[in-house]
Amino acid sequence: MKRVGVEGTLTDVKDALQQRGYEVVDVKQEADVDGCDCCVISGQDKNVMGMQDTEYKGAVINANGLTADAICQQVDARF
């Protein structure tokens, strides 16, 4: 089963991904993405400090302005 980390505010995305059979992990801090194949972020606090030093190697999808269905399609495309 593919594991997808989803930022806490995106409950509609979490529900939609679970319905498609993905294991969904609630992302509250950086360590929560360990073991995730893909992550979905809200984009609200993206790069606030101007720092980009993350060690995460999986795909990151910015949900800003997208519907839950559009996000699911992007996650599907990653696998």
N, C-alpha and C. Protein backbone atom coordinates (compact mmCIF):
# COMPACT_ATOMS: atom_id res chain seq x y z
N MET A 1 0.85 -1.18 0.00
CA MET A 1 0.00 0.00 0.00
C MET A 1 0.89 1.24 0.00
N LYS A 2 0.59 2.18 -0.85
CA LYS A 2 1.34 3.43 -0.92
C LYS A 2 0.97 4.32 0.25
N ARG A 3 1.97 4.95 0.83
CA ARG A 3 1.78 5.80 2.02
C ARG A 3 1.94 7.26 1.62
N VAL A 4 0.91 8.06 1.95
CA VAL A 4 0.90 9.47 1.58
C VAL A 4 0.75 10.32 2.83
N GLY A 5 1.67 11.26 3.02
CA GLY A 5 1.57 12.20 4.12
C GLY A 5 0.73 13.39 3.69
N VAL A 6 -0.21 13.81 4.54
CA VAL A 6 -1.09 14.91 4.20
C VAL A 6 -1.12 15.89 5.37
N GLU A 7 -0.93 17.16 5.07
CA GLU A 7 -0.97 18.20 6.10
C GLU A 7 -2.34 18.21 6.78
N GLY A 8 -2.35 18.45 8.07
CA GLY A 8 -3.53 18.31 8.91
C GLY A 8 -4.77 19.05 8.47
N THR A 9 -4.64 20.19 7.83
CA THR A 9 -5.81 20.99 7.45
C THR A 9 -6.55 20.45 6.24
N LEU A 10 -5.99 19.49 5.56
CA LEU A 10 -6.55 18.99 4.29
C LEU A 10 -7.40 17.74 4.50
N THR A 11 -8.43 17.84 5.33
CA THR A 11 -9.24 16.67 5.66
C THR A 11 -9.97 16.09 4.46
N ASP A 12 -10.42 16.92 3.53
CA ASP A 12 -11.11 16.40 2.34
C ASP A 12 -10.16 15.59 1.47
N VAL A 13 -8.90 16.01 1.41
CA VAL A 13 -7.88 15.28 0.65
C VAL A 13 -7.59 13.95 1.33
N LYS A 14 -7.47 13.96 2.64
CA LYS A 14 -7.23 12.71 3.39
C LYS A 14 -8.33 11.70 3.10
N ASP A 15 -9.57 12.14 3.19
CA ASP A 15 -10.71 11.25 2.95
C ASP A 15 -10.69 10.69 1.53
N ALA A 16 -10.44 11.55 0.57
CA ALA A 16 -10.44 11.12 -0.84
C ALA A 16 -9.32 10.12 -1.10
N LEU A 17 -8.14 10.34 -0.53
CA LEU A 17 -7.02 9.41 -0.74
C LEU A 17 -7.30 8.07 -0.06
N GLN A 18 -7.89 8.10 1.12
CA GLN A 18 -8.23 6.85 1.80
C GLN A 18 -9.25 6.05 1.00
N GLN A 19 -10.20 6.73 0.38
CA GLN A 19 -11.20 6.04 -0.44
C GLN A 19 -10.55 5.40 -1.66
N ARG A 20 -9.42 5.94 -2.10
CA ARG A 20 -8.70 5.36 -3.25
C ARG A 20 -7.74 4.26 -2.83
N GLY A 21 -7.68 3.97 -1.52
CA GLY A 21 -6.86 2.86 -1.05
C GLY A 21 -5.48 3.23 -0.56
N TYR A 22 -5.17 4.50 -0.42
CA TYR A 22 -3.87 4.92 0.09
C TYR A 22 -3.86 4.89 1.61
N GLU A 23 -2.69 4.59 2.17
CA GLU A 23 -2.49 4.76 3.61
C GLU A 23 -2.14 6.22 3.83
N VAL A 24 -2.91 6.93 4.64
CA VAL A 24 -2.73 8.36 4.84
C VAL A 24 -2.15 8.63 6.22
N VAL A 25 -1.09 9.44 6.25
CA VAL A 25 -0.43 9.82 7.49
C VAL A 25 -0.64 11.31 7.70
N ASP A 26 -1.03 11.69 8.92
CA ASP A 26 -1.22 13.09 9.26
C ASP A 26 0.15 13.74 9.49
N VAL A 27 0.47 14.77 8.73
CA VAL A 27 1.77 15.44 8.82
C VAL A 27 1.62 16.70 9.66
N LYS A 28 2.27 16.66 10.82
CA LYS A 28 2.27 17.81 11.72
C LYS A 28 3.67 18.41 11.88
N GLN A 29 4.68 17.57 11.66
CA GLN A 29 6.07 18.01 11.74
C GLN A 29 6.89 17.23 10.73
N GLU A 30 8.11 17.65 10.51
CA GLU A 30 8.96 17.07 9.47
C GLU A 30 9.15 15.57 9.62
N ALA A 31 9.29 15.09 10.85
CA ALA A 31 9.54 13.67 11.08
C ALA A 31 8.37 12.79 10.65
N ASP A 32 7.18 13.35 10.53
CA ASP A 32 6.00 12.57 10.15
C ASP A 32 6.05 12.05 8.72
N VAL A 33 6.91 12.61 7.88
CA VAL A 33 6.97 12.18 6.48
C VAL A 33 7.86 10.96 6.28
N ASP A 34 8.56 10.52 7.33
CA ASP A 34 9.40 9.33 7.22
C ASP A 34 8.56 8.14 6.77
N GLY A 35 9.00 7.48 5.73
CA GLY A 35 8.29 6.33 5.21
C GLY A 35 7.17 6.65 4.23
N CYS A 36 6.94 7.93 3.97
CA CYS A 36 5.90 8.32 3.02
C CYS A 36 6.46 8.32 1.60
N ASP A 37 5.66 7.85 0.66
CA ASP A 37 6.05 7.85 -0.74
C ASP A 37 5.79 9.19 -1.40
N CYS A 38 4.90 9.98 -0.82
CA CYS A 38 4.47 11.25 -1.40
C CYS A 38 3.87 12.08 -0.28
N CYS A 39 3.93 13.41 -0.40
CA CYS A 39 3.35 14.30 0.61
C CYS A 39 2.51 15.38 -0.06
N VAL A 40 1.42 15.75 0.60
CA VAL A 40 0.55 16.82 0.13
C VAL A 40 0.57 17.92 1.19
N ILE A 41 0.93 19.14 0.76
CA ILE A 41 0.99 20.27 1.67
C ILE A 41 -0.05 21.31 1.25
N SER A 42 -0.47 22.12 2.21
CA SER A 42 -1.48 23.14 1.90
C SER A 42 -0.88 24.30 1.13
N GLY A 43 0.40 24.55 1.31
CA GLY A 43 1.06 25.67 0.62
C GLY A 43 0.93 26.97 1.36
N GLN A 44 0.22 26.99 2.47
CA GLN A 44 0.00 28.22 3.21
C GLN A 44 1.27 28.75 3.87
N ASP A 45 2.12 27.85 4.35
CA ASP A 45 3.34 28.30 5.02
C ASP A 45 4.60 27.83 4.30
N LYS A 46 4.50 27.64 3.01
CA LYS A 46 5.60 27.16 2.18
C LYS A 46 6.76 28.15 2.19
N ASN A 47 7.91 27.70 2.66
CA ASN A 47 9.15 28.47 2.60
C ASN A 47 9.01 29.84 3.27
N VAL A 48 8.38 29.89 4.42
CA VAL A 48 8.17 31.15 5.13
C VAL A 48 9.49 31.82 5.48
N MET A 49 10.46 31.04 5.91
CA MET A 49 11.74 31.59 6.35
C MET A 49 12.76 31.71 5.21
N GLY A 50 12.39 31.31 4.01
CA GLY A 50 13.32 31.36 2.89
C GLY A 50 14.36 30.25 2.93
N MET A 51 14.09 29.21 3.71
CA MET A 51 15.02 28.08 3.85
C MET A 51 14.45 26.86 3.16
N GLN A 52 15.31 26.13 2.47
CA GLN A 52 14.87 24.92 1.79
C GLN A 52 15.85 23.80 2.08
N ASP A 53 15.91 23.36 3.32
CA ASP A 53 16.90 22.37 3.72
C ASP A 53 16.30 21.02 4.08
N THR A 54 15.16 20.70 3.53
CA THR A 54 14.51 19.43 3.84
C THR A 54 15.29 18.26 3.23
N GLU A 55 15.20 17.13 3.87
CA GLU A 55 15.89 15.91 3.43
C GLU A 55 14.93 14.95 2.73
N TYR A 56 13.67 15.33 2.59
CA TYR A 56 12.65 14.45 2.01
C TYR A 56 12.90 14.25 0.53
N LYS A 57 12.88 13.00 0.09
CA LYS A 57 13.19 12.67 -1.30
C LYS A 57 11.96 12.34 -2.14
N GLY A 58 10.78 12.20 -1.52
CA GLY A 58 9.57 11.86 -2.25
C GLY A 58 8.95 13.06 -2.94
N ALA A 59 7.90 12.81 -3.68
CA ALA A 59 7.18 13.88 -4.38
C ALA A 59 6.40 14.72 -3.37
N VAL A 60 6.39 16.03 -3.58
CA VAL A 60 5.62 16.94 -2.74
C VAL A 60 4.61 17.65 -3.64
N ILE A 61 3.34 17.58 -3.26
CA ILE A 61 2.27 18.20 -4.04
C ILE A 61 1.72 19.37 -3.25
N ASN A 62 1.73 20.54 -3.86
CA ASN A 62 1.18 21.75 -3.24
C ASN A 62 -0.31 21.80 -3.58
N ALA A 63 -1.16 21.72 -2.56
CA ALA A 63 -2.61 21.66 -2.75
C ALA A 63 -3.25 23.02 -2.97
N ASN A 64 -2.49 24.07 -2.87
CA ASN A 64 -3.03 25.43 -2.97
C ASN A 64 -3.78 25.62 -4.29
N GLY A 65 -5.08 25.89 -4.21
CA GLY A 65 -5.90 26.14 -5.39
C GLY A 65 -6.41 24.91 -6.11
N LEU A 66 -6.15 23.72 -5.59
CA LEU A 66 -6.57 22.48 -6.25
C LEU A 66 -7.72 21.83 -5.49
N THR A 67 -8.57 21.11 -6.21
CA THR A 67 -9.63 20.33 -5.58
C THR A 67 -9.04 19.02 -5.07
N ALA A 68 -9.78 18.36 -4.19
CA ALA A 68 -9.34 17.07 -3.66
C ALA A 68 -9.16 16.07 -4.80
N ASP A 69 -10.05 16.09 -5.79
CA ASP A 69 -9.95 15.18 -6.93
C ASP A 69 -8.69 15.45 -7.75
N ALA A 70 -8.38 16.71 -7.97
CA ALA A 70 -7.17 17.07 -8.74
C ALA A 70 -5.92 16.63 -8.01
N ILE A 71 -5.93 16.74 -6.70
CA ILE A 71 -4.78 16.30 -5.90
C ILE A 71 -4.63 14.79 -5.98
N CYS A 72 -5.75 14.07 -5.87
CA CYS A 72 -5.72 12.61 -5.99
C CYS A 72 -5.17 12.18 -7.34
N GLN A 73 -5.54 12.89 -8.39
CA GLN A 73 -5.03 12.57 -9.73
C GLN A 73 -3.51 12.77 -9.78
N GLN A 74 -3.01 13.81 -9.12
CA GLN A 74 -1.58 14.04 -9.09
C GLN A 74 -0.86 12.95 -8.30
N VAL A 75 -1.47 12.54 -7.18
CA VAL A 75 -0.87 11.45 -6.39
C VAL A 75 -0.86 10.16 -7.21
N ASP A 76 -1.98 9.86 -7.88
CA ASP A 76 -2.04 8.66 -8.74
C ASP A 76 -0.94 8.69 -9.79
N ALA A 77 -0.69 9.85 -10.36
CA ALA A 77 0.32 9.99 -11.43
C ALA A 77 1.73 9.72 -10.91
N ARG A 78 1.97 9.94 -9.62
CA ARG A 78 3.29 9.72 -9.04
C ARG A 78 3.60 8.23 -8.90
N PHE A 79 2.55 7.41 -8.88
CA PHE A 79 2.74 5.97 -8.70
C PHE A 79 2.42 5.29 -9.97
